[in-house]
């Protein structure tokens, strides 16, 4: 009961033989605060879940983009190919450094 209600209220409830109007008001107020607190917590969890989902989608897009890049090395490829691959790598790296875009 101490988790659901204030410690003092839980103690008084444990000692009471019956529910007085004062205890009833305390229980109702405490229950309303508890419900409100849990609703806020659920909203926060849902927002975090949505943010993680968006981040995962962005990461999957980046991975797919990187998989499509041609294999190249600085010494074995034409300069234009190396520059194209470099620029393509830079865009996802910039995206990873700006997580604000995921929201």
Protein backbone atom coordinates (compact mmCIF):
# COMPACT_ATOMS: atom_id res chain seq x y z
CA UNK A 1 0.00 0.00 0.00
CA UNK A 2 2.91 2.35 0.66
CA UNK A 3 3.76 2.23 -3.06
CA UNK A 4 0.26 3.23 -4.10
CA UNK A 5 -0.40 5.73 -1.31
CA UNK A 6 1.68 8.10 0.77
CA UNK A 7 3.48 6.25 3.57
CA UNK A 8 1.52 8.08 6.29
CA UNK A 9 -1.81 7.30 4.64
CA UNK A 10 -0.88 3.66 4.13
CA UNK A 11 0.10 3.40 7.79
CA UNK A 12 -3.18 4.96 8.94
CA UNK A 13 -5.14 2.63 6.64
CA UNK A 14 -3.31 -0.36 8.08
CA UNK A 15 -4.24 0.70 11.62
CA UNK A 16 -7.86 1.69 10.93
CA UNK A 17 -10.73 -0.68 11.65
CA UNK A 18 -12.97 1.14 9.19
CA UNK A 19 -12.70 3.78 6.49
CA UNK A 20 -13.49 7.24 7.84
CA UNK A 21 -14.48 10.06 5.50
CA UNK A 22 -11.04 11.62 6.08
CA UNK A 23 -9.28 8.39 5.12
CA UNK A 24 -11.62 7.97 2.16
CA UNK A 25 -10.74 11.44 0.87
CA UNK A 26 -7.05 10.67 1.37
CA UNK A 27 -7.37 7.38 -0.52
CA UNK A 28 -9.25 9.04 -3.39
CA UNK A 29 -6.79 11.94 -3.66
CA UNK A 30 -3.83 9.57 -3.49
CA UNK A 31 -5.37 7.26 -6.09
CA UNK A 32 -6.00 10.21 -8.43
CA UNK A 33 -2.39 11.37 -8.06
CA UNK A 34 -1.18 7.84 -8.70
CA UNK A 35 -3.33 7.49 -11.84
CA UNK A 36 -2.18 10.89 -13.10
CA UNK A 37 1.45 10.01 -12.45
CA UNK A 38 1.14 6.69 -14.26
CA UNK A 39 -0.57 8.37 -17.23
CA UNK A 40 2.30 10.88 -17.50
CA UNK A 41 4.79 8.01 -17.29
CA UNK A 42 2.97 6.11 -20.06
CA UNK A 43 2.95 9.25 -22.24
CA UNK A 44 6.70 9.61 -21.72
CA UNK A 45 7.27 5.94 -22.55
CA UNK A 46 5.14 6.24 -25.69
CA UNK A 47 7.07 9.33 -26.80
CA UNK A 48 10.38 7.56 -26.19
CA UNK A 49 9.11 4.51 -28.08
CA UNK A 50 8.13 6.68 -31.04
CA UNK A 51 11.51 8.39 -30.94
CA UNK A 52 13.31 5.03 -30.92
CA UNK A 53 11.12 3.81 -33.78
CA UNK A 54 12.00 6.91 -35.82
CA UNK A 55 15.69 6.50 -35.01
CA UNK A 56 15.56 2.86 -36.07
CA UNK A 57 13.90 3.77 -39.38
CA UNK A 58 16.55 6.41 -40.01
CA UNK A 59 19.31 3.94 -39.17
CA UNK A 60 17.82 1.33 -41.49
CA UNK A 61 17.70 3.91 -44.29
CA UNK A 62 21.35 4.78 -43.66
CA UNK A 63 22.36 1.10 -43.65
CA UNK A 64 20.51 0.48 -46.92
CA UNK A 65 22.14 3.56 -48.43
CA UNK A 66 25.58 2.37 -47.39
CA UNK A 67 24.95 -1.15 -48.73
CA UNK A 68 24.24 0.34 -52.17
CA UNK A 69 27.60 2.09 -52.32
CA UNK A 70 30.17 0.62 -54.68
CA UNK A 71 33.23 -0.95 -53.15
CA UNK A 72 36.17 1.36 -53.70
CA UNK A 73 39.55 2.27 -52.31
CA UNK A 74 41.42 5.54 -52.55
CA UNK A 75 44.14 3.87 -54.64
CA UNK A 76 42.08 1.50 -56.79
CA UNK A 77 39.20 3.75 -57.87
CA UNK A 78 38.70 6.84 -59.93
CA UNK A 79 38.73 10.11 -58.02
CA UNK A 80 35.11 10.86 -58.97
CA UNK A 81 33.93 7.50 -57.54
CA UNK A 82 35.86 8.04 -54.30
CA UNK A 83 34.41 11.56 -53.93
CA UNK A 84 30.88 10.28 -54.62
CA UNK A 85 31.23 7.52 -52.03
CA UNK A 86 32.78 9.96 -49.54
CA UNK A 87 29.90 12.41 -49.95
CA UNK A 88 27.38 9.61 -49.63
CA UNK A 89 29.04 8.53 -46.36
CA UNK A 90 29.04 12.11 -45.07
CA UNK A 91 25.26 12.57 -45.34
CA UNK A 92 24.34 9.62 -43.06
CA UNK A 93 27.15 10.58 -40.66
CA UNK A 94 25.67 14.08 -40.43
CA UNK A 95 22.21 12.56 -39.84
CA UNK A 96 23.58 10.45 -36.99
CA UNK A 97 25.04 13.54 -35.35
CA UNK A 98 21.67 15.37 -35.52
CA UNK A 99 19.21 13.18 -33.60
CA UNK A 100 16.80 16.13 -33.34
CA UNK A 101 15.71 15.35 -36.90
CA UNK A 102 14.27 11.99 -35.76
CA UNK A 103 11.45 13.57 -33.77
